[in-house]
PDB file of N, CA and C in Angstrom:
ATOM      1  N   MET A   1      85.256-216.038  50.225  1.00  0.00           N
ATOM      2  CA  MET A   1      84.898-216.764  51.435  1.00  0.00           C
ATOM      3  C   MET A   1      83.428-217.158  51.367  1.00  0.00           C
ATOM      4  N   ASP A   2      83.163-218.422  51.622  1.00  0.00           N
ATOM      5  CA  ASP A   2      81.781-218.893  51.654  1.00  0.00           C
ATOM      6  C   ASP A   2      81.143-218.501  52.974  1.00  0.00           C
ATOM      7  N   ARG A   3      79.962-217.920  52.877  1.00  0.00           N
ATOM      8  CA  ARG A   3      79.233-217.577  54.096  1.00  0.00           C
ATOM      9  C   ARG A   3      78.591-218.829  54.660  1.00  0.00           C
ATOM     10  N   LYS A   4      78.526-218.905  55.955  1.00  0.00           N
ATOM     11  CA  LYS A   4      77.894-220.031  56.617  1.00  0.00           C
ATOM     12  C   LYS A   4      76.459-219.721  57.003  1.00  0.00           C
ATOM     13  N   ASN A   5      76.071-218.453  56.807  1.00  0.00           N
ATOM     14  CA  ASN A   5      74.690-218.090  57.117  1.00  0.00           C
ATOM     15  C   ASN A   5      74.266-216.886  56.282  1.00  0.00           C
ATOM     16  N   ASN A   6      72.964-216.712  56.218  1.00  0.00           N
ATOM     17  CA  ASN A   6      72.369-215.609  55.462  1.00  0.00           C
ATOM     18  C   ASN A   6      71.700-214.599  56.387  1.00  0.00           C
ATOM     19  N   LEU A   7      72.118-214.553  57.633  1.00  0.00           N
ATOM     20  CA  LEU A   7      71.438-213.700  58.601  1.00  0.00           C
ATOM     21  C   LEU A   7      71.479-212.224  58.202  1.00  0.00           C
ATOM     22  N   LYS A   8      72.626-211.751  57.785  1.00  0.00           N
ATOM     23  CA  LYS A   8      72.743-210.341  57.410  1.00  0.00           C
ATOM     24  C   LYS A   8      71.832-210.013  56.230  1.00  0.00           C
ATOM     25  N   VAL A   9      71.752-210.921  55.265  1.00  0.00           N
ATOM     26  CA  VAL A   9      70.895-210.728  54.092  1.00  0.00           C
ATOM     27  C   VAL A   9      69.425-210.689  54.518  1.00  0.00           C
ATOM     28  N   LEU A  10      69.014-211.656  55.335  1.00  0.00           N
ATOM     29  CA  LEU A  10      67.627-211.692  55.803  1.00  0.00           C
ATOM     30  C   LEU A  10      67.285-210.440  56.608  1.00  0.00           C
ATOM     31  N   ARG A  11      68.217-210.033  57.444  1.00  0.00           N
ATOM     32  CA  ARG A  11      67.991-208.830  58.257  1.00  0.00           C
ATOM     33  C   ARG A  11      67.808-207.607  57.359  1.00  0.00           C
ATOM     34  N   ALA A  12      68.641-207.493  56.339  1.00  0.00           N
ATOM     35  CA  ALA A  12      68.551-206.362  55.412  1.00  0.00           C
ATOM     36  C   ALA A  12      67.246-206.406  54.616  1.00  0.00           C
ATOM     37  N   MET A  13      66.846-207.594  54.199  1.00  0.00           N
ATOM     38  CA  MET A  13      65.597-207.737  53.441  1.00  0.00           C
ATOM     39  C   MET A  13      64.383-207.282  54.255  1.00  0.00           C
ATOM     40  N   HIS A  14      64.471-207.421  55.575  1.00  0.00           N
ATOM     41  CA  HIS A  14      63.376-207.011  56.450  1.00  0.00           C
ATOM     42  C   HIS A  14      63.610-205.636  57.070  1.00  0.00           C
ATOM     43  N   ASP A  15      64.647-204.948  56.572  1.00  0.00           N
ATOM     44  CA  ASP A  15      64.957-203.584  57.014  1.00  0.00           C
ATOM     45  C   ASP A  15      65.075-203.482  58.534  1.00  0.00           C
ATOM     46  N   LEU A  16      65.834-204.413  59.114  1.00  0.00           N
ATOM     47  CA  LEU A  16      66.035-204.446  60.555  1.00  0.00           C
ATOM     48  C   LEU A  16      67.468-204.067  60.903  1.00  0.00           C
ATOM     49  N   THR A  17      67.626-203.353  61.980  1.00  0.00           N
ATOM     50  CA  THR A  17      68.968-203.108  62.496  1.00  0.00           C
ATOM     51  C   THR A  17      69.393-204.335  63.305  1.00  0.00           C
ATOM     52  N   GLN A  18      70.673-204.412  63.588  1.00  0.00           N
ATOM     53  CA  GLN A  18      71.156-205.503  64.436  1.00  0.00           C
ATOM     54  C   GLN A  18      70.494-205.426  65.807  1.00  0.00           C
ATOM     55  N   GLU A  19      70.325-204.235  66.310  1.00  0.00           N
ATOM     56  CA  GLU A  19      69.693-204.038  67.615  1.00  0.00           C
ATOM     57  C   GLU A  19      68.239-204.516  67.609  1.00  0.00           C
ATOM     58  N   GLN A  20      67.485-204.174  66.563  1.00  0.00           N
ATOM     59  CA  GLN A  20      66.084-204.604  66.479  1.00  0.00           C
ATOM     60  C   GLN A  20      65.979-206.129  66.432  1.00  0.00           C
ATOM     61  N   LEU A  21      66.840-206.751  65.643  1.00  0.00           N
ATOM     62  CA  LEU A  21      66.809-208.210  65.556  1.00  0.00           C
ATOM     63  C   LEU A  21      67.207-208.833  66.890  1.00  0.00           C
ATOM     64  N   ALA A  22      68.230-208.295  67.509  1.00  0.00           N
ATOM     65  CA  ALA A  22      68.665-208.807  68.809  1.00  0.00           C
ATOM     66  C   ALA A  22      67.533-208.735  69.832  1.00  0.00           C
ATOM     67  N   ASP A  23      66.840-207.613  69.870  1.00  0.00           N
ATOM     68  CA  ASP A  23      65.711-207.458  70.794  1.00  0.00           C
ATOM     69  C   ASP A  23      64.623-208.481  70.514  1.00  0.00           C
ATOM     70  N   ALA A  24      64.306-208.687  69.252  1.00  0.00           N
ATOM     71  CA  ALA A  24      63.260-209.634  68.877  1.00  0.00           C
ATOM     72  C   ALA A  24      63.641-211.070  69.246  1.00  0.00           C
ATOM     73  N   LEU A  25      64.929-211.378  69.155  1.00  0.00           N
ATOM     74  CA  LEU A  25      65.402-212.739  69.443  1.00  0.00           C
ATOM     75  C   LEU A  25      65.788-212.928  70.908  1.00  0.00           C
ATOM     76  N   ARG A  26      65.769-211.834  71.673  1.00  0.00           N
ATOM     77  CA  ARG A  26      66.158-211.860  73.088  1.00  0.00           C
ATOM     78  C   ARG A  26      67.621-212.264  73.267  1.00  0.00           C
ATOM     79  N   VAL A  27      68.482-211.668  72.439  1.00  0.00           N
ATOM     80  CA  VAL A  27      69.928-211.857  72.553  1.00  0.00           C
ATOM     81  C   VAL A  27      70.586-210.484  72.480  1.00  0.00           C
ATOM     82  N   SER A  28      71.877-210.442  72.704  1.00  0.00           N
ATOM     83  CA  SER A  28      72.580-209.167  72.619  1.00  0.00           C
ATOM     84  C   SER A  28      72.885-208.813  71.157  1.00  0.00           C
ATOM     85  N   ARG A  29      73.113-207.546  70.931  1.00  0.00           N
ATOM     86  CA  ARG A  29      73.519-207.090  69.592  1.00  0.00           C
ATOM     87  C   ARG A  29      74.839-207.742  69.215  1.00  0.00           C
ATOM     88  N   GLN A  30      75.712-207.926  70.191  1.00  0.00           N
ATOM     89  CA  GLN A  30      76.998-208.568  69.934  1.00  0.00           C
ATOM     90  C   GLN A  30      76.823-209.999  69.431  1.00  0.00           C
ATOM     91  N   THR A  31      75.794-210.686  69.908  1.00  0.00           N
ATOM     92  CA  THR A  31      75.512-212.046  69.434  1.00  0.00           C
ATOM     93  C   THR A  31      75.120-212.025  67.968  1.00  0.00           C
ATOM     94  N   VAL A  32      74.258-211.086  67.593  1.00  0.00           N
ATOM     95  CA  VAL A  32      73.850-210.957  66.192  1.00  0.00           C
ATOM     96  C   VAL A  32      75.074-210.655  65.324  1.00  0.00           C
ATOM     97  N   ILE A  33      75.914-209.740  65.766  1.00  0.00           N
ATOM     98  CA  ILE A  33      77.125-209.394  65.015  1.00  0.00           C
ATOM     99  C   ILE A  33      78.012-210.622  64.843  1.00  0.00           C
ATOM    100  N   ALA A  34      78.227-211.352  65.921  1.00  0.00           N
ATOM    101  CA  ALA A  34      79.095-212.530  65.873  1.00  0.00           C
ATOM    102  C   ALA A  34      78.544-213.602  64.941  1.00  0.00           C
ATOM    103  N   ILE A  35      77.236-213.816  64.954  1.00  0.00           N
ATOM    104  CA  ILE A  35      76.635-214.800  64.049  1.00  0.00           C
ATOM    105  C   ILE A  35      76.804-214.344  62.607  1.00  0.00           C
ATOM    106  N   GLU A  36      76.498-213.082  62.339  1.00  0.00           N
ATOM    107  CA  GLU A  36      76.626-212.564  60.974  1.00  0.00           C
ATOM    108  C   GLU A  36      78.048-212.688  60.445  1.00  0.00           C
ATOM    109  N   ASN A  37      79.033-212.531  61.320  1.00  0.00           N
ATOM    110  CA  ASN A  37      80.436-212.588  60.912  1.00  0.00           C
ATOM    111  C   ASN A  37      81.038-213.986  61.024  1.00  0.00           C
ATOM    112  N   ASP A  38      80.189-214.981  61.235  1.00  0.00           N
ATOM    113  CA  ASP A  38      80.633-216.381  61.360  1.00  0.00           C
ATOM    114  C   ASP A  38      81.655-216.566  62.476  1.00  0.00           C
ATOM    115  N   LYS A  39      81.530-215.764  63.527  1.00  0.00           N
ATOM    116  CA  LYS A  39      82.406-215.889  64.689  1.00  0.00           C
ATOM    117  C   LYS A  39      81.744-216.692  65.800  1.00  0.00           C
ATOM    118  N   TYR A  40      80.436-216.924  65.672  1.00  0.00           N
ATOM    119  CA  TYR A  40      79.675-217.626  66.708  1.00  0.00           C
ATOM    120  C   TYR A  40      78.641-218.503  66.037  1.00  0.00           C
ATOM    121  N   LEU A  41      78.629-219.762  66.419  1.00  0.00           N
ATOM    122  CA  LEU A  41      77.630-220.698  65.925  1.00  0.00           C
ATOM    123  C   LEU A  41      76.538-220.792  66.981  1.00  0.00           C
ATOM    124  N   PRO A  42      75.332-220.351  66.652  1.00  0.00           N
ATOM    125  CA  PRO A  42      74.278-220.324  67.668  1.00  0.00           C
ATOM    126  C   PRO A  42      73.823-221.725  68.054  1.00  0.00           C
ATOM    127  N   SER A  43      73.209-221.814  69.207  1.00  0.00           N
ATOM    128  CA  SER A  43      72.615-223.077  69.642  1.00  0.00           C
ATOM    129  C   SER A  43      71.511-223.463  68.666  1.00  0.00           C
ATOM    130  N   LEU A  44      71.142-224.706  68.692  1.00  0.00           N
ATOM    131  CA  LEU A  44      70.066-225.170  67.824  1.00  0.00           C
ATOM    132  C   LEU A  44      68.764-224.431  68.144  1.00  0.00           C
ATOM    133  N   THR A  45      68.534-224.196  69.412  1.00  0.00           N
ATOM    134  CA  THR A  45      67.329-223.460  69.819  1.00  0.00           C
ATOM    135  C   THR A  45      67.308-222.063  69.216  1.00  0.00           C
ATOM    136  N   LEU A  46      68.432-221.348  69.298  1.00  0.00           N
ATOM    137  CA  LEU A  46      68.497-220.003  68.733  1.00  0.00           C
ATOM    138  C   LEU A  46      68.408-220.045  67.214  1.00  0.00           C
ATOM    139  N   ALA A  47      69.032-221.030  66.596  1.00  0.00           N
ATOM    140  CA  ALA A  47      68.966-221.151  65.136  1.00  0.00           C
ATOM    141  C   ALA A  47      67.520-221.324  64.676  1.00  0.00           C
ATOM    142  N   PHE A  48      66.769-222.164  65.379  1.00  0.00           N
ATOM    143  CA  PHE A  48      65.361-222.349  65.022  1.00  0.00           C
ATOM    144  C   PHE A  48      64.554-221.086  65.311  1.00  0.00           C
ATOM    145  N   ARG A  49      64.884-220.383  66.383  1.00  0.00           N
ATOM    146  CA  ARG A  49      64.176-219.135  66.703  1.00  0.00           C
ATOM    147  C   ARG A  49      64.388-218.103  65.595  1.00  0.00           C
ATOM    148  N   ILE A  50      65.612-218.037  65.075  1.00  0.00           N
ATOM    149  CA  ILE A  50      65.918-217.117  63.975  1.00  0.00           C
ATOM    150  C   ILE A  50      65.114-217.491  62.739  1.00  0.00           C
ATOM    151  N   ALA A  51      65.120-218.767  62.383  1.00  0.00           N
ATOM    152  CA  ALA A  51      64.370-219.228  61.204  1.00  0.00           C
ATOM    153  C   ALA A  51      62.881-218.944  61.370  1.00  0.00           C
ATOM    154  N   ARG A  52      62.356-219.207  62.545  1.00  0.00           N
ATOM    155  CA  ARG A  52      60.936-218.974  62.809  1.00  0.00           C
ATOM    156  C   ARG A  52      60.615-217.481  62.718  1.00  0.00           C
ATOM    157  N   TYR A  53      61.509-216.647  63.230  1.00  0.00           N
ATOM    158  CA  TYR A  53      61.290-215.198  63.181  1.00  0.00           C
ATOM    159  C   TYR A  53      61.145-214.709  61.743  1.00  0.00           C
ATOM    160  N   PHE A  54      61.992-215.233  60.843  1.00  0.00           N
ATOM    161  CA  PHE A  54      61.941-214.819  59.443  1.00  0.00           C
ATOM    162  C   PHE A  54      60.981-215.662  58.609  1.00  0.00           C
ATOM    163  N   ASN A  55      60.342-216.646  59.253  1.00  0.00           N
ATOM    164  CA  ASN A  55      59.379-217.512  58.575  1.00  0.00           C
ATOM    165  C   ASN A  55      60.012-218.240  57.379  1.00  0.00           C
ATOM    166  N   VAL A  56      61.212-218.787  57.616  1.00  0.00           N
ATOM    167  CA  VAL A  56      61.919-219.558  56.595  1.00  0.00           C
ATOM    168  C   VAL A  56      62.414-220.857  57.209  1.00  0.00           C
ATOM    169  N   LYS A  57      62.843-221.771  56.357  1.00  0.00           N
ATOM    170  CA  LYS A  57      63.439-223.008  56.843  1.00  0.00           C
ATOM    171  C   LYS A  57      64.814-222.694  57.410  1.00  0.00           C
ATOM    172  N   ILE A  58      65.230-223.480  58.381  1.00  0.00           N
ATOM    173  CA  ILE A  58      66.531-223.248  59.006  1.00  0.00           C
ATOM    174  C   ILE A  58      67.657-223.308  57.973  1.00  0.00           C
ATOM    175  N   GLU A  59      67.479-224.142  56.934  1.00  0.00           N
ATOM    176  CA  GLU A  59      68.486-224.261  55.875  1.00  0.00           C
ATOM    177  C   GLU A  59      68.610-223.003  55.038  1.00  0.00           C
ATOM    178  N   GLU A  60      67.624-222.131  55.112  1.00  0.00           N
ATOM    179  CA  GLU A  60      67.683-220.861  54.396  1.00  0.00           C
ATOM    180  C   GLU A  60      68.460-219.807  55.191  1.00  0.00           C
ATOM    181  N   VAL A  61      68.715-220.097  56.459  1.00  0.00           N
ATOM    182  CA  VAL A  61      69.488-219.186  57.294  1.00  0.00           C
ATOM    183  C   VAL A  61      70.919-219.693  57.432  1.00  0.00           C
ATOM    184  N   PHE A  62      71.063-220.976  57.760  1.00  0.00           N
ATOM    185  CA  PHE A  62      72.374-221.572  58.007  1.00  0.00           C
ATOM    186  C   PHE A  62      72.610-222.727  57.056  1.00  0.00           C
ATOM    187  N   TYR A  63      73.861-222.880  56.635  1.00  0.00           N
ATOM    188  CA  TYR A  63      74.183-224.024  55.795  1.00  0.00           C
ATOM    189  C   TYR A  63      75.603-224.498  56.051  1.00  0.00           C
ATOM    190  N   TYR A  64      75.812-225.754  55.759  1.00  0.00           N
ATOM    191  CA  TYR A  64      77.083-226.409  56.010  1.00  0.00           C
ATOM    192  C   TYR A  64      78.024-226.206  54.837  1.00  0.00           C
ATOM    193  N   THR A  65      79.263-225.840  55.126  1.00  0.00           N
ATOM    194  CA  THR A  65      80.234-225.611  54.052  1.00  0.00           C
ATOM    195  C   THR A  65      81.473-226.481  54.237  1.00  0.00           C
ATOM    196  N   GLY A  66      81.307-227.649  54.853  1.00  0.00           N
ATOM    197  CA  GLY A  66      82.439-228.538  55.097  1.00  0.00           C
ATOM    198  C   GLY A  66      83.019-229.091  53.813  1.00  0.00           C
ATOM    199  N   ASP A  67      84.182-229.677  53.924  1.00  0.00           N
ATOM    200  CA  ASP A  67      84.807-230.273  52.749  1.00  0.00           C
ATOM    201  C   ASP A  67      84.611-231.787  52.762  1.00  0.00           C
ATOM    202  N   GLU A  68      85.126-232.446  51.743  1.00  0.00           N
ATOM    203  CA  GLU A  68      84.926-233.885  51.607  1.00  0.00           C
ATOM    204  C   GLU A  68      85.549-234.686  52.735  1.00  0.00           C
ATOM    205  N   SER A  69      86.553-234.179  53.395  1.00  0.00           N
ATOM    206  CA  SER A  69      87.187-234.913  54.504  1.00  0.00           C
ATOM    207  C   SER A  69      86.279-235.038  55.704  1.00  0.00           C
ATOM    208  N   ASP A  70      85.194-234.257  55.743  1.00  0.00           N
ATOM    209  CA  ASP A  70      84.246-234.330  56.862  1.00  0.00           C
ATOM    210  C   ASP A  70      83.256-235.470  56.701  1.00  0.00           C
ATOM    211  N   GLN A  71      83.243-236.106  55.553  1.00  0.00           N
ATOM    212  CA  GLN A  71      82.248-237.154  55.297  1.00  0.00           C
ATOM    213  C   GLN A  71      82.634-238.457  55.942  1.00  0.00           C
TER     214      GLN A  71
END
């Protein structure tokens, strides 16, 4: 399965728990879990907040995995 985001990897690289990241982003732990499991697509505002928190480009956190029929 192709991942649609690298949030779990980034969180692990910074030695953060889901709770710590949720607190820093001002969201619930359940939101972090849902994003990591590709069950929830965050708003653009939250996506940029996540990228800014990790000091990376948004494309380093989230990426598109559509197929050719989406073009």
